[in-house]
Amino acid sequence: IWSSIINYEFRLLNVEIYIATVLMAGILPEKRTPEQQKDSDYDYGDYKNYCSNGPNCRDYPDDCSCWVAKIVHARTCIQKIEDFDEQWTDNRHGEKSLLTWKTRLKNLQERVDKICKGKK
């Protein structure tokens, strides 16, 4: 039980040190005005909607065309997330989301390189 208490106190101390460091460095995010929050919410909804609605393969004449469209979509989605982060979150967006999209892009590029090269 003592190790649990010590562990808890150690984690609490780490949080306190982090908060003090952030406060001293002046890097806490500023509170948004209602207008900024409205703009941020709009931009967030815009990129979430775009990223959630990728190309539909039925709209393309063949698989390779669809995969190329998906590559363009993934690149655009990555850019929209990075733009949102830079504008609104000081690049604190979940890396998991970006990593997921970057992995998807890599896999799509490998698929196109392997299957579609030389096809017209």
PDB file of N, CA and C in Angstrom:
ATOM      1  N   ILE A   1       0.824  -1.196   0.000  1.00  0.00           N
ATOM      2  CA  ILE A   1       0.000   0.000   0.000  1.00  0.00           C
ATOM      3  C   ILE A   1       0.868   1.262   0.000  1.00  0.00           C
ATOM      4  N   TRP A   2       2.035   1.176   0.691  1.00  0.00           N
ATOM      5  CA  TRP A   2       2.913   2.353   0.718  1.00  0.00           C
ATOM      6  C   TRP A   2       3.420   2.708  -0.669  1.00  0.00           C
ATOM      7  N   SER A   3       3.702   1.694  -1.476  1.00  0.00           N
ATOM      8  CA  SER A   3       4.193   1.984  -2.828  1.00  0.00           C
ATOM      9  C   SER A   3       3.121   2.680  -3.650  1.00  0.00           C
ATOM     10  N   SER A   4       1.856   2.348  -3.434  1.00  0.00           N
ATOM     11  CA  SER A   4       0.758   3.015  -4.140  1.00  0.00           C
ATOM     12  C   SER A   4       0.667   4.477  -3.739  1.00  0.00           C
ATOM     13  N   ILE A   5       0.810   4.726  -2.448  1.00  0.00           N
ATOM     14  CA  ILE A   5       0.746   6.109  -1.955  1.00  0.00           C
ATOM     15  C   ILE A   5       1.930   6.906  -2.494  1.00  0.00           C
ATOM     16  N   ILE A   6       3.118   6.337  -2.438  1.00  0.00           N
ATOM     17  CA  ILE A   6       4.315   7.024  -2.943  1.00  0.00           C
ATOM     18  C   ILE A   6       4.184   7.269  -4.439  1.00  0.00           C
ATOM     19  N   ASN A   7       3.709   6.285  -5.171  1.00  0.00           N
ATOM     20  CA  ASN A   7       3.491   6.446  -6.612  1.00  0.00           C
ATOM     21  C   ASN A   7       2.528   7.587  -6.899  1.00  0.00           C
ATOM     22  N   TYR A   8       1.423   7.632  -6.152  1.00  0.00           N
ATOM     23  CA  TYR A   8       0.426   8.690  -6.343  1.00  0.00           C
ATOM     24  C   TYR A   8       1.035  10.056  -6.058  1.00  0.00           C
ATOM     25  N   GLU A   9       1.768  10.167  -4.938  1.00  0.00           N
ATOM     26  CA  GLU A   9       2.379  11.442  -4.579  1.00  0.00           C
ATOM     27  C   GLU A   9       3.433  11.858  -5.602  1.00  0.00           C
ATOM     28  N   PHE A  10       4.170  10.907  -6.132  1.00  0.00           N
ATOM     29  CA  PHE A  10       5.168  11.211  -7.149  1.00  0.00           C
ATOM     30  C   PHE A  10       4.500  11.745  -8.417  1.00  0.00           C
ATOM     31  N   ARG A  11       3.405  11.103  -8.834  1.00  0.00           N
ATOM     32  CA  ARG A  11       2.685  11.576 -10.027  1.00  0.00           C
ATOM     33  C   ARG A  11       2.112  12.962  -9.792  1.00  0.00           C
ATOM     34  N   LEU A  12       1.587  13.203  -8.606  1.00  0.00           N
ATOM     35  CA  LEU A  12       1.049  14.509  -8.267  1.00  0.00           C
ATOM     36  C   LEU A  12       2.144  15.566  -8.301  1.00  0.00           C
ATOM     37  N   LEU A  13       3.315  15.248  -7.775  1.00  0.00           N
ATOM     38  CA  LEU A  13       4.446  16.166  -7.806  1.00  0.00           C
ATOM     39  C   LEU A  13       4.857  16.469  -9.246  1.00  0.00           C
ATOM     40  N   ASN A  14       4.877  15.450 -10.107  1.00  0.00           N
ATOM     41  CA  ASN A  14       5.211  15.668 -11.517  1.00  0.00           C
ATOM     42  C   ASN A  14       4.227  16.625 -12.174  1.00  0.00           C
ATOM     43  N   VAL A  15       2.950  16.478 -11.864  1.00  0.00           N
ATOM     44  CA  VAL A  15       1.932  17.369 -12.428  1.00  0.00           C
ATOM     45  C   VAL A  15       2.162  18.787 -11.940  1.00  0.00           C
ATOM     46  N   GLU A  16       2.448  18.939 -10.657  1.00  0.00           N
ATOM     47  CA  GLU A  16       2.693  20.271 -10.109  1.00  0.00           C
ATOM     48  C   GLU A  16       3.921  20.916 -10.741  1.00  0.00           C
ATOM     49  N   ILE A  17       4.972  20.153 -10.941  1.00  0.00           N
ATOM     50  CA  ILE A  17       6.186  20.678 -11.593  1.00  0.00           C
ATOM     51  C   ILE A  17       5.874  21.084 -13.026  1.00  0.00           C
ATOM     52  N   TYR A  18       5.114  20.248 -13.724  1.00  0.00           N
ATOM     53  CA  TYR A  18       4.745  20.567 -15.114  1.00  0.00           C
ATOM     54  C   TYR A  18       3.949  21.869 -15.178  1.00  0.00           C
ATOM     55  N   ILE A  19       2.956  22.007 -14.311  1.00  0.00           N
ATOM     56  CA  ILE A  19       2.126  23.218 -14.312  1.00  0.00           C
ATOM     57  C   ILE A  19       2.982  24.439 -14.004  1.00  0.00           C
ATOM     58  N   ALA A  20       3.866  24.338 -13.018  1.00  0.00           N
ATOM     59  CA  ALA A  20       4.736  25.464 -12.675  1.00  0.00           C
ATOM     60  C   ALA A  20       5.637  25.833 -13.849  1.00  0.00           C
ATOM     61  N   THR A  21       6.168  24.827 -14.530  1.00  0.00           N
ATOM     62  CA  THR A  21       7.042  25.073 -15.680  1.00  0.00           C
ATOM     63  C   THR A  21       6.271  25.764 -16.800  1.00  0.00           C
ATOM     64  N   VAL A  22       5.084  25.290 -17.057  1.00  0.00           N
ATOM     65  CA  VAL A  22       4.258  25.871 -18.116  1.00  0.00           C
ATOM     66  C   VAL A  22       3.901  27.306 -17.775  1.00  0.00           C
ATOM     67  N   LEU A  23       3.532  27.546 -16.526  1.00  0.00           N
ATOM     68  CA  LEU A  23       3.182  28.906 -16.110  1.00  0.00           C
ATOM     69  C   LEU A  23       4.371  29.848 -16.214  1.00  0.00           C
ATOM     70  N   MET A  24       5.541  29.396 -15.784  1.00  0.00           N
ATOM     71  CA  MET A  24       6.738  30.244 -15.841  1.00  0.00           C
ATOM     72  C   MET A  24       7.129  30.531 -17.284  1.00  0.00           C
ATOM     73  N   ALA A  25       6.932  29.550 -18.160  1.00  0.00           N
ATOM     74  CA  ALA A  25       7.306  29.746 -19.557  1.00  0.00           C
ATOM     75  C   ALA A  25       6.257  30.558 -20.307  1.00  0.00           C
ATOM     76  N   GLY A  26       5.097  30.721 -19.706  1.00  0.00           N
ATOM     77  CA  GLY A  26       4.037  31.488 -20.359  1.00  0.00           C
ATOM     78  C   GLY A  26       3.464  30.791 -21.574  1.00  0.00           C
ATOM     79  N   ILE A  27       3.388  29.465 -21.529  1.00  0.00           N
ATOM     80  CA  ILE A  27       2.922  28.753 -22.722  1.00  0.00           C
ATOM     81  C   ILE A  27       1.538  28.144 -22.552  1.00  0.00           C
ATOM     82  N   LEU A  28       0.828  28.523 -21.511  1.00  0.00           N
ATOM     83  CA  LEU A  28      -0.550  28.063 -21.420  1.00  0.00           C
ATOM     84  C   LEU A  28      -1.362  28.727 -22.533  1.00  0.00           C
ATOM     85  N   PRO A  29      -2.258  27.993 -23.143  1.00  0.00           N
ATOM     86  CA  PRO A  29      -3.047  28.597 -24.221  1.00  0.00           C
ATOM     87  C   PRO A  29      -3.943  29.701 -23.675  1.00  0.00           C
ATOM     88  N   GLU A  30      -4.064  30.735 -24.463  1.00  0.00           N
ATOM     89  CA  GLU A  30      -4.940  31.828 -24.071  1.00  0.00           C
ATOM     90  C   GLU A  30      -6.383  31.400 -24.300  1.00  0.00           C
ATOM     91  N   LYS A  31      -7.258  31.922 -23.469  1.00  0.00           N
ATOM     92  CA  LYS A  31      -8.671  31.626 -23.625  1.00  0.00           C
ATOM     93  C   LYS A  31      -9.157  32.288 -24.911  1.00  0.00           C
ATOM     94  N   ARG A  32      -9.945  31.547 -25.670  1.00  0.00           N
ATOM     95  CA  ARG A  32     -10.457  32.064 -26.932  1.00  0.00           C
ATOM     96  C   ARG A  32     -11.652  32.969 -26.698  1.00  0.00           C
ATOM     97  N   THR A  33     -11.756  33.966 -27.564  1.00  0.00           N
ATOM     98  CA  THR A  33     -12.959  34.792 -27.550  1.00  0.00           C
ATOM     99  C   THR A  33     -14.100  33.960 -28.134  1.00  0.00           C
ATOM    100  N   PRO A  34     -15.333  34.356 -27.926  1.00  0.00           N
ATOM    101  CA  PRO A  34     -16.457  33.608 -28.526  1.00  0.00           C
ATOM    102  C   PRO A  34     -16.342  33.510 -30.052  1.00  0.00           C
ATOM    103  N   GLU A  35     -15.856  34.565 -30.677  1.00  0.00           N
ATOM    104  CA  GLU A  35     -15.682  34.546 -32.134  1.00  0.00           C
ATOM    105  C   GLU A  35     -14.596  33.549 -32.551  1.00  0.00           C
ATOM    106  N   GLN A  36     -13.488  33.554 -31.806  1.00  0.00           N
ATOM    107  CA  GLN A  36     -12.419  32.594 -32.098  1.00  0.00           C
ATOM    108  C   GLN A  36     -12.895  31.165 -31.890  1.00  0.00           C
ATOM    109  N   GLN A  37     -13.676  30.940 -30.831  1.00  0.00           N
ATOM    110  CA  GLN A  37     -14.192  29.602 -30.572  1.00  0.00           C
ATOM    111  C   GLN A  37     -15.126  29.158 -31.694  1.00  0.00           C
ATOM    112  N   LYS A  38     -15.924  30.081 -32.179  1.00  0.00           N
ATOM    113  CA  LYS A  38     -16.830  29.782 -33.299  1.00  0.00           C
ATOM    114  C   LYS A  38     -16.013  29.409 -34.541  1.00  0.00           C
ATOM    115  N   ASP A  39     -14.967  30.182 -34.822  1.00  0.00           N
ATOM    116  CA  ASP A  39     -14.107  29.897 -35.974  1.00  0.00           C
ATOM    117  C   ASP A  39     -13.383  28.565 -35.810  1.00  0.00           C
ATOM    118  N   SER A  40     -12.893  28.318 -34.608  1.00  0.00           N
ATOM    119  CA  SER A  40     -12.203  27.062 -34.332  1.00  0.00           C
ATOM    120  C   SER A  40     -13.141  25.868 -34.504  1.00  0.00           C
ATOM    121  N   ASP A  41     -14.336  25.983 -33.975  1.00  0.00           N
ATOM    122  CA  ASP A  41     -15.330  24.907 -34.107  1.00  0.00           C
ATOM    123  C   ASP A  41     -15.669  24.654 -35.573  1.00  0.00           C
ATOM    124  N   TYR A  42     -15.785  25.737 -36.340  1.00  0.00           N
ATOM    125  CA  TYR A  42     -16.083  25.597 -37.772  1.00  0.00           C
ATOM    126  C   TYR A  42     -14.937  24.869 -38.481  1.00  0.00           C
ATOM    127  N   ASP A  43     -13.701  25.315 -38.223  1.00  0.00           N
ATOM    128  CA  ASP A  43     -12.539  24.693 -38.864  1.00  0.00           C
ATOM    129  C   ASP A  43     -12.405  23.226 -38.468  1.00  0.00           C
ATOM    130  N   TYR A  44     -12.664  22.930 -37.201  1.00  0.00           N
ATOM    131  CA  TYR A  44     -12.594  21.552 -36.723  1.00  0.00           C
ATOM    132  C   TYR A  44     -13.637  20.695 -37.445  1.00  0.00           C
ATOM    133  N   GLY A  45     -14.862  21.187 -37.508  1.00  0.00           N
ATOM    134  CA  GLY A  45     -15.926  20.460 -38.208  1.00  0.00           C
ATOM    135  C   GLY A  45     -15.612  20.275 -39.683  1.00  0.00           C
ATOM    136  N   ASP A  46     -14.995  21.295 -40.280  1.00  0.00           N
ATOM    137  CA  ASP A  46     -14.641  21.234 -41.702  1.00  0.00           C
ATOM    138  C   ASP A  46     -13.645  20.111 -41.959  1.00  0.00           C
ATOM    139  N   TYR A  47     -12.569  20.067 -41.177  1.00  0.00           N
ATOM    140  CA  TYR A  47     -11.578  19.019 -41.454  1.00  0.00           C
ATOM    141  C   TYR A  47     -12.098  17.646 -41.052  1.00  0.00           C
ATOM    142  N   LYS A  48     -12.869  17.550 -39.966  1.00  0.00           N
ATOM    143  CA  LYS A  48     -13.423  16.260 -39.577  1.00  0.00           C
ATOM    144  C   LYS A  48     -14.373  15.730 -40.644  1.00  0.00           C
ATOM    145  N   ASN A  49     -15.214  16.596 -41.176  1.00  0.00           N
ATOM    146  CA  ASN A  49     -16.153  16.201 -42.226  1.00  0.00           C
ATOM    147  C   ASN A  49     -15.400  15.774 -43.486  1.00  0.00           C
ATOM    148  N   TYR A  50     -14.405  16.563 -43.877  1.00  0.00           N
ATOM    149  CA  TYR A  50     -13.633  16.231 -45.071  1.00  0.00           C
ATOM    150  C   TYR A  50     -12.936  14.880 -44.901  1.00  0.00           C
ATOM    151  N   CYS A  51     -12.268  14.698 -43.774  1.00  0.00           N
ATOM    152  CA  CYS A  51     -11.492  13.477 -43.565  1.00  0.00           C
ATOM    153  C   CYS A  51     -12.389  12.248 -43.435  1.00  0.00           C
ATOM    154  N   SER A  52     -13.596  12.440 -42.962  1.00  0.00           N
ATOM    155  CA  SER A  52     -14.526  11.314 -42.787  1.00  0.00           C
ATOM    156  C   SER A  52     -15.190  10.889 -44.085  1.00  0.00           C
ATOM    157  N   ASN A  53     -15.135  11.721 -45.089  1.00  0.00           N
ATOM    158  CA  ASN A  53     -15.843  11.446 -46.339  1.00  0.00           C
ATOM    159  C   ASN A  53     -14.874  11.383 -47.503  1.00  0.00           C
ATOM    160  N   GLY A  54     -14.178  10.276 -47.596  1.00  0.00           N
ATOM    161  CA  GLY A  54     -13.206  10.088 -48.664  1.00  0.00           C
ATOM    162  C   GLY A  54     -13.864   9.722 -49.979  1.00  0.00           C
ATOM    163  N   PRO A  55     -13.056   9.556 -50.994  1.00  0.00           N
ATOM    164  CA  PRO A  55     -13.567   9.209 -52.331  1.00  0.00           C
ATOM    165  C   PRO A  55     -14.314   7.876 -52.321  1.00  0.00           C
ATOM    166  N   ASN A  56     -15.344   7.817 -53.109  1.00  0.00           N
ATOM    167  CA  ASN A  56     -16.108   6.592 -53.285  1.00  0.00           C
ATOM    168  C   ASN A  56     -15.637   5.926 -54.574  1.00  0.00           C
ATOM    169  N   CYS A  57     -15.181   4.693 -54.461  1.00  0.00           N
ATOM    170  CA  CYS A  57     -14.601   4.007 -55.626  1.00  0.00           C
ATOM    171  C   CYS A  57     -15.596   3.824 -56.771  1.00  0.00           C
ATOM    172  N   ARG A  58     -16.882   3.862 -56.480  1.00  0.00           N
ATOM    173  CA  ARG A  58     -17.875   3.749 -57.552  1.00  0.00           C
ATOM    174  C   ARG A  58     -17.827   4.944 -58.512  1.00  0.00           C
ATOM    175  N   ASP A  59     -17.203   6.026 -58.061  1.00  0.00           N
ATOM    176  CA  ASP A  59     -17.124   7.237 -58.881  1.00  0.00           C
ATOM    177  C   ASP A  59     -15.918   7.236 -59.821  1.00  0.00           C
ATOM    178  N   TYR A  60     -15.143   6.150 -59.823  1.00  0.00           N
ATOM    179  CA  TYR A  60     -13.922   6.093 -60.627  1.00  0.00           C
ATOM    180  C   TYR A  60     -13.970   4.899 -61.575  1.00  0.00           C
ATOM    181  N   PRO A  61     -13.308   5.028 -62.716  1.00  0.00           N
ATOM    182  CA  PRO A  61     -13.404   3.961 -63.728  1.00  0.00           C
ATOM    183  C   PRO A  61     -12.672   2.672 -63.341  1.00  0.00           C
ATOM    184  N   ASP A  62     -11.676   2.763 -62.437  1.00  0.00           N
ATOM    185  CA  ASP A  62     -10.942   1.566 -62.043  1.00  0.00           C
ATOM    186  C   ASP A  62     -10.359   1.761 -60.652  1.00  0.00           C
ATOM    187  N   ASP A  63      -9.846   0.668 -60.094  1.00  0.00           N
ATOM    188  CA  ASP A  63      -9.301   0.713 -58.734  1.00  0.00           C
ATOM    189  C   ASP A  63      -8.121   1.668 -58.605  1.00  0.00           C
ATOM    190  N   CYS A  64      -7.248   1.663 -59.597  1.00  0.00           N
ATOM    191  CA  CYS A  64      -6.065   2.531 -59.518  1.00  0.00           C
ATOM    192  C   CYS A  64      -6.460   4.007 -59.449  1.00  0.00           C
ATOM    193  N   SER A  65      -7.439   4.403 -60.227  1.00  0.00           N
ATOM    194  CA  SER A  65      -7.900   5.799 -60.183  1.00  0.00           C
ATOM    195  C   SER A  65      -8.455   6.134 -58.808  1.00  0.00           C
ATOM    196  N   CYS A  66      -9.172   5.182 -58.240  1.00  0.00           N
ATOM    197  CA  CYS A  66      -9.730   5.403 -56.905  1.00  0.00           C
ATOM    198  C   CYS A  66      -8.614   5.529 -55.870  1.00  0.00           C
ATOM    199  N   TRP A  67      -7.621   4.653 -55.932  1.00  0.00           N
ATOM    200  CA  TRP A  67      -6.531   4.706 -54.963  1.00  0.00           C
ATOM    201  C   TRP A  67      -5.737   5.999 -55.079  1.00  0.00           C
ATOM    202  N   VAL A  68      -5.560   6.481 -56.295  1.00  0.00           N
ATOM    203  CA  VAL A  68      -4.874   7.770 -56.474  1.00  0.00           C
ATOM    204  C   VAL A  68      -5.711   8.885 -55.848  1.00  0.00           C
ATOM    205  N   ALA A  69      -7.025   8.833 -56.037  1.00  0.00           N
ATOM    206  CA  ALA A  69      -7.905   9.835 -55.413  1.00  0.00           C
ATOM    207  C   ALA A  69      -7.818   9.744 -53.889  1.00  0.00           C
ATOM    208  N   LYS A  70      -7.697   8.533 -53.368  1.00  0.00           N
ATOM    209  CA  LYS A  70      -7.568   8.358 -51.925  1.00  0.00           C
ATOM    210  C   LYS A  70      -6.238   8.911 -51.412  1.00  0.00           C
ATOM    211  N   ILE A  71      -5.190   8.813 -52.229  1.00  0.00           N
ATOM    212  CA  ILE A  71      -3.897   9.405 -51.873  1.00  0.00           C
ATOM    213  C   ILE A  71      -4.033  10.922 -51.773  1.00  0.00           C
ATOM    214  N   VAL A  72      -4.672  11.517 -52.754  1.00  0.00           N
ATOM    215  CA  VAL A  72      -4.888  12.973 -52.738  1.00  0.00           C
ATOM    216  C   VAL A  72      -5.720  13.351 -51.509  1.00  0.00           C
ATOM    217  N   HIS A  73      -6.749  12.574 -51.238  1.00  0.00           N
ATOM    218  CA  HIS A  73      -7.606  12.832 -50.074  1.00  0.00           C
ATOM    219  C   HIS A  73      -6.799  12.746 -48.782  1.00  0.00           C
ATOM    220  N   ALA A  74      -5.977  11.714 -48.635  1.00  0.00           N
ATOM    221  CA  ALA A  74      -5.172  11.552 -47.417  1.00  0.00           C
ATOM    222  C   ALA A  74      -4.188  12.709 -47.255  1.00  0.00           C
ATOM    223  N   ARG A  75      -3.535  13.105 -48.342  1.00  0.00           N
ATOM    224  CA  ARG A  75      -2.600  14.247 -48.269  1.00  0.00           C
ATOM    225  C   ARG A  75      -3.325  15.517 -47.840  1.00  0.00           C
ATOM    226  N   THR A  76      -4.499  15.737 -48.423  1.00  0.00           N
ATOM    227  CA  THR A  76      -5.274  16.937 -48.077  1.00  0.00           C
ATOM    228  C   THR A  76      -5.731  16.883 -46.631  1.00  0.00           C
ATOM    229  N   CYS A  77      -6.136  15.703 -46.187  1.00  0.00           N
ATOM    230  CA  CYS A  77      -6.579  15.551 -44.806  1.00  0.00           C
ATOM    231  C   CYS A  77      -5.427  15.841 -43.836  1.00  0.00           C
ATOM    232  N   ILE A  78      -4.270  15.303 -44.111  1.00  0.00           N
ATOM    233  CA  ILE A  78      -3.093  15.573 -43.276  1.00  0.00           C
ATOM    234  C   ILE A  78      -2.825  17.068 -43.215  1.00  0.00           C
ATOM    235  N   GLN A  79      -2.892  17.725 -44.361  1.00  0.00           N
ATOM    236  CA  GLN A  79      -2.645  19.168 -44.403  1.00  0.00           C
ATOM    237  C   GLN A  79      -3.696  19.937 -43.605  1.00  0.00           C
ATOM    238  N   LYS A  80      -4.958  19.521 -43.714  1.00  0.00           N
ATOM    239  CA  LYS A  80      -6.030  20.197 -42.966  1.00  0.00           C
ATOM    240  C   LYS A  80      -5.821  20.041 -41.455  1.00  0.00           C
ATOM    241  N   ILE A  81      -5.420  18.854 -41.014  1.00  0.00           N
ATOM    242  CA  ILE A  81      -5.163  18.639 -39.588  1.00  0.00           C
ATOM    243  C   ILE A  81      -3.993  19.499 -39.132  1.00  0.00           C
ATOM    244  N   GLU A  82      -2.921  19.509 -39.915  1.00  0.00           N
ATOM    245  CA  GLU A  82      -1.752  20.312 -39.546  1.00  0.00           C
ATOM    246  C   GLU A  82      -2.083  21.801 -39.538  1.00  0.00           C
ATOM    247  N   ASP A  83      -2.868  22.257 -40.502  1.00  0.00           N
ATOM    248  CA  ASP A  83      -3.274  23.668 -40.534  1.00  0.00           C
ATOM    249  C   ASP A  83      -4.119  24.014 -39.313  1.00  0.00           C
ATOM    250  N   PHE A  84      -5.066  23.112 -38.971  1.00  0.00           N
ATOM    251  CA  PHE A  84      -5.900  23.347 -37.797  1.00  0.00           C
ATOM    252  C   PHE A  84      -5.035  23.441 -36.543  1.00  0.00           C
ATOM    253  N   ASP A  85      -4.104  22.501 -36.406  1.00  0.00           N
ATOM    254  CA  ASP A  85      -3.229  22.498 -35.235  1.00  0.00           C
ATOM    255  C   ASP A  85      -2.422  23.781 -35.127  1.00  0.00           C
ATOM    256  N   GLU A  86      -1.877  24.193 -36.245  1.00  0.00           N
ATOM    257  CA  GLU A  86      -1.055  25.405 -36.237  1.00  0.00           C
ATOM    258  C   GLU A  86      -1.891  26.632 -35.877  1.00  0.00           C
ATOM    259  N   GLN A  87      -3.096  26.693 -36.409  1.00  0.00           N
ATOM    260  CA  GLN A  87      -3.961  27.852 -36.193  1.00  0.00           C
ATOM    261  C   GLN A  87      -4.573  27.873 -34.789  1.00  0.00           C
ATOM    262  N   TRP A  88      -5.023  26.710 -34.314  1.00  0.00           N
ATOM    263  CA  TRP A  88      -5.866  26.698 -33.124  1.00  0.00           C
ATOM    264  C   TRP A  88      -5.296  25.977 -31.908  1.00  0.00           C
ATOM    265  N   THR A  89      -4.387  25.043 -32.085  1.00  0.00           N
ATOM    266  CA  THR A  89      -3.963  24.262 -30.923  1.00  0.00           C
ATOM    267  C   THR A  89      -2.475  24.344 -30.670  1.00  0.00           C
ATOM    268  N   ASP A  90      -1.787  25.226 -31.340  1.00  0.00           N
ATOM    269  CA  ASP A  90      -0.341  25.373 -31.145  1.00  0.00           C
ATOM    270  C   ASP A  90       0.354  24.028 -31.337  1.00  0.00           C
ATOM    271  N   ASN A  91      -0.113  23.311 -32.370  1.00  0.00           N
ATOM    272  CA  ASN A  91       0.439  22.006 -32.750  1.00  0.00           C
ATOM    273  C   ASN A  91       0.343  20.963 -31.638  1.00  0.00           C
ATOM    274  N   ARG A  92      -0.745  20.994 -30.882  1.00  0.00           N
ATOM    275  CA  ARG A  92      -0.947  20.026 -29.816  1.00  0.00           C
ATOM    276  C   ARG A  92      -1.993  18.989 -30.192  1.00  0.00           C
ATOM    277  N   HIS A  93      -2.331  18.889 -31.460  1.00  0.00           N
ATOM    278  CA  HIS A  93      -3.331  17.914 -31.884  1.00  0.00           C
ATOM    279  C   HIS A  93      -2.798  16.509 -31.638  1.00  0.00           C
ATOM    280  N   GLY A  94      -3.705  15.588 -31.426  1.00  0.00           N
ATOM    281  CA  GLY A  94      -3.291  14.214 -31.174  1.00  0.00           C
ATOM    282  C   GLY A  94      -2.439  13.667 -32.303  1.00  0.00           C
ATOM    283  N   GLU A  95      -1.220  13.321 -31.982  1.00  0.00           N
ATOM    284  CA  GLU A  95      -0.325  12.736 -32.979  1.00  0.00           C
ATOM    285  C   GLU A  95      -0.897  11.445 -33.535  1.00  0.00           C
ATOM    286  N   LYS A  96      -1.743  10.790 -32.746  1.00  0.00           N
ATOM    287  CA  LYS A  96      -2.329   9.528 -33.191  1.00  0.00           C
ATOM    288  C   LYS A  96      -3.139   9.744 -34.468  1.00  0.00           C
ATOM    289  N   SER A  97      -3.893  10.824 -34.515  1.00  0.00           N
ATOM    290  CA  SER A  97      -4.691  11.116 -35.703  1.00  0.00           C
ATOM    291  C   SER A  97      -3.797  11.338 -36.920  1.00  0.00           C
ATOM    292  N   LEU A  98      -2.757  12.125 -36.746  1.00  0.00           N
ATOM    293  CA  LEU A  98      -1.835  12.368 -37.860  1.00  0.00           C
ATOM    294  C   LEU A  98      -1.098  11.095 -38.246  1.00  0.00           C
ATOM    295  N   LEU A  99      -0.674  10.340 -37.267  1.00  0.00           N
ATOM    296  CA  LEU A  99       0.028   9.091 -37.549  1.00  0.00           C
ATOM    297  C   LEU A  99      -0.871   8.127 -38.318  1.00  0.00           C
ATOM    298  N   THR A 100      -2.126   8.055 -37.940  1.00  0.00           N
ATOM    299  CA  THR A 100      -3.076   7.189 -38.648  1.00  0.00           C
ATOM    300  C   THR A 100      -3.182   7.595 -40.112  1.00  0.00           C
ATOM    301  N   TRP A 101      -3.309   8.893 -40.359  1.00  0.00           N
ATOM    302  CA  TRP A 101      -3.429   9.365 -41.741  1.00  0.00           C
ATOM    303  C   TRP A 101      -2.133   9.176 -42.514  1.00  0.00           C
ATOM    304  N   LYS A 102      -1.005   9.400 -41.874  1.00  0.00           N
ATOM    305  CA  LYS A 102       0.281   9.224 -42.558  1.00  0.00           C
ATOM    306  C   LYS A 102       0.533   7.755 -42.877  1.00  0.00           C
ATOM    307  N   THR A 103       0.115   6.873 -41.985  1.00  0.00           N
ATOM    308  CA  THR A 103       0.241   5.438 -42.253  1.00  0.00           C
ATOM    309  C   THR A 103      -0.674   5.042 -43.404  1.00  0.00           C
ATOM    310  N   ARG A 104      -1.884   5.555 -43.389  1.00  0.00           N
ATOM    311  CA  ARG A 104      -2.824   5.282 -44.484  1.00  0.00           C
ATOM    312  C   ARG A 104      -2.254   5.752 -45.817  1.00  0.00           C
ATOM    313  N   LEU A 105      -1.681   6.949 -45.822  1.00  0.00           N
ATOM    314  CA  LEU A 105      -1.082   7.489 -47.041  1.00  0.00           C
ATOM    315  C   LEU A 105       0.056   6.596 -47.522  1.00  0.00           C
ATOM    316  N   LYS A 106       0.928   6.187 -46.623  1.00  0.00           N
ATOM    317  CA  LYS A 106       2.049   5.315 -46.988  1.00  0.00           C
ATOM    318  C   LYS A 106       1.539   4.007 -47.592  1.00  0.00           C
ATOM    319  N   ASN A 107       0.533   3.406 -46.962  1.00  0.00           N
ATOM    320  CA  ASN A 107      -0.020   2.150 -47.469  1.00  0.00           C
ATOM    321  C   ASN A 107      -0.659   2.316 -48.845  1.00  0.00           C
ATOM    322  N   LEU A 108      -1.369   3.412 -49.043  1.00  0.00           N
ATOM    323  CA  LEU A 108      -1.974   3.669 -50.356  1.00  0.00           C
ATOM    324  C   LEU A 108      -0.906   3.864 -51.424  1.00  0.00           C
ATOM    325  N   GLN A 109       0.145   4.614 -51.077  1.00  0.00           N
ATOM    326  CA  GLN A 109       1.220   4.841 -52.044  1.00  0.00           C
ATOM    327  C   GLN A 109       1.910   3.527 -52.409  1.00  0.00           C
ATOM    328  N   GLU A 110       2.129   2.670 -51.423  1.00  0.00           N
ATOM    329  CA  GLU A 110       2.750   1.370 -51.698  1.00  0.00           C
ATOM    330  C   GLU A 110       1.853   0.519 -52.596  1.00  0.00           C
ATOM    331  N   ARG A 111       0.556   0.561 -52.343  1.00  0.00           N
ATOM    332  CA  ARG A 111      -0.383  -0.212 -53.155  1.00  0.00           C
ATOM    333  C   ARG A 111      -0.386   0.280 -54.600  1.00  0.00           C
ATOM    334  N   VAL A 112      -0.422   1.583 -54.763  1.00  0.00           N
ATOM    335  CA  VAL A 112      -0.417   2.145 -56.127  1.00  0.00           C
ATOM    336  C   VAL A 112       0.898   1.823 -56.819  1.00  0.00           C
ATOM    337  N   ASP A 113       2.011   1.958 -56.116  1.00  0.00           N
ATOM    338  CA  ASP A 113       3.316   1.660 -56.696  1.00  0.00           C
ATOM    339  C   ASP A 113       3.400   0.195 -57.133  1.00  0.00           C
ATOM    340  N   LYS A 114       2.845  -0.682 -56.321  1.00  0.00           N
ATOM    341  CA  LYS A 114       2.942  -2.116 -56.592  1.00  0.00           C
ATOM    342  C   LYS A 114       1.982  -2.567 -57.695  1.00  0.00           C
ATOM    343  N   ILE A 115       0.768  -2.094 -57.662  1.00  0.00           N
ATOM    344  CA  ILE A 115      -0.270  -2.624 -58.546  1.00  0.00           C
ATOM    345  C   ILE A 115      -0.516  -1.764 -59.788  1.00  0.00           C
ATOM    346  N   CYS A 116      -0.382  -0.480 -59.645  1.00  0.00           N
ATOM    347  CA  CYS A 116      -0.839   0.413 -60.705  1.00  0.00           C
ATOM    348  C   CYS A 116       0.272   0.949 -61.625  1.00  0.00           C
ATOM    349  N   LYS A 117       1.505   0.796 -61.239  1.00  0.00           N
ATOM    350  CA  LYS A 117       2.583   1.306 -62.111  1.00  0.00           C
ATOM    351  C   LYS A 117       2.534   0.599 -63.449  1.00  0.00           C
ATOM    352  N   GLY A 118       2.606   1.367 -64.490  1.00  0.00           N
ATOM    353  CA  GLY A 118       2.611   0.799 -65.855  1.00  0.00           C
ATOM    354  C   GLY A 118       1.216   0.635 -66.429  1.00  0.00           C
ATOM    355  N   LYS A 119       0.177   0.760 -65.623  1.00  0.00           N
ATOM    356  CA  LYS A 119      -1.197   0.658 -66.135  1.00  0.00           C
ATOM    357  C   LYS A 119      -1.653   2.040 -66.581  1.00  0.00           C
ATOM    358  N   LYS A 120      -2.433   2.058 -67.622  1.00  0.00           N
ATOM    359  CA  LYS A 120      -2.990   3.337 -68.081  1.00  0.00           C
ATOM    360  C   LYS A 120      -4.447   3.185 -68.350  1.00  0.00           C
TER     361      LYS A 120
END
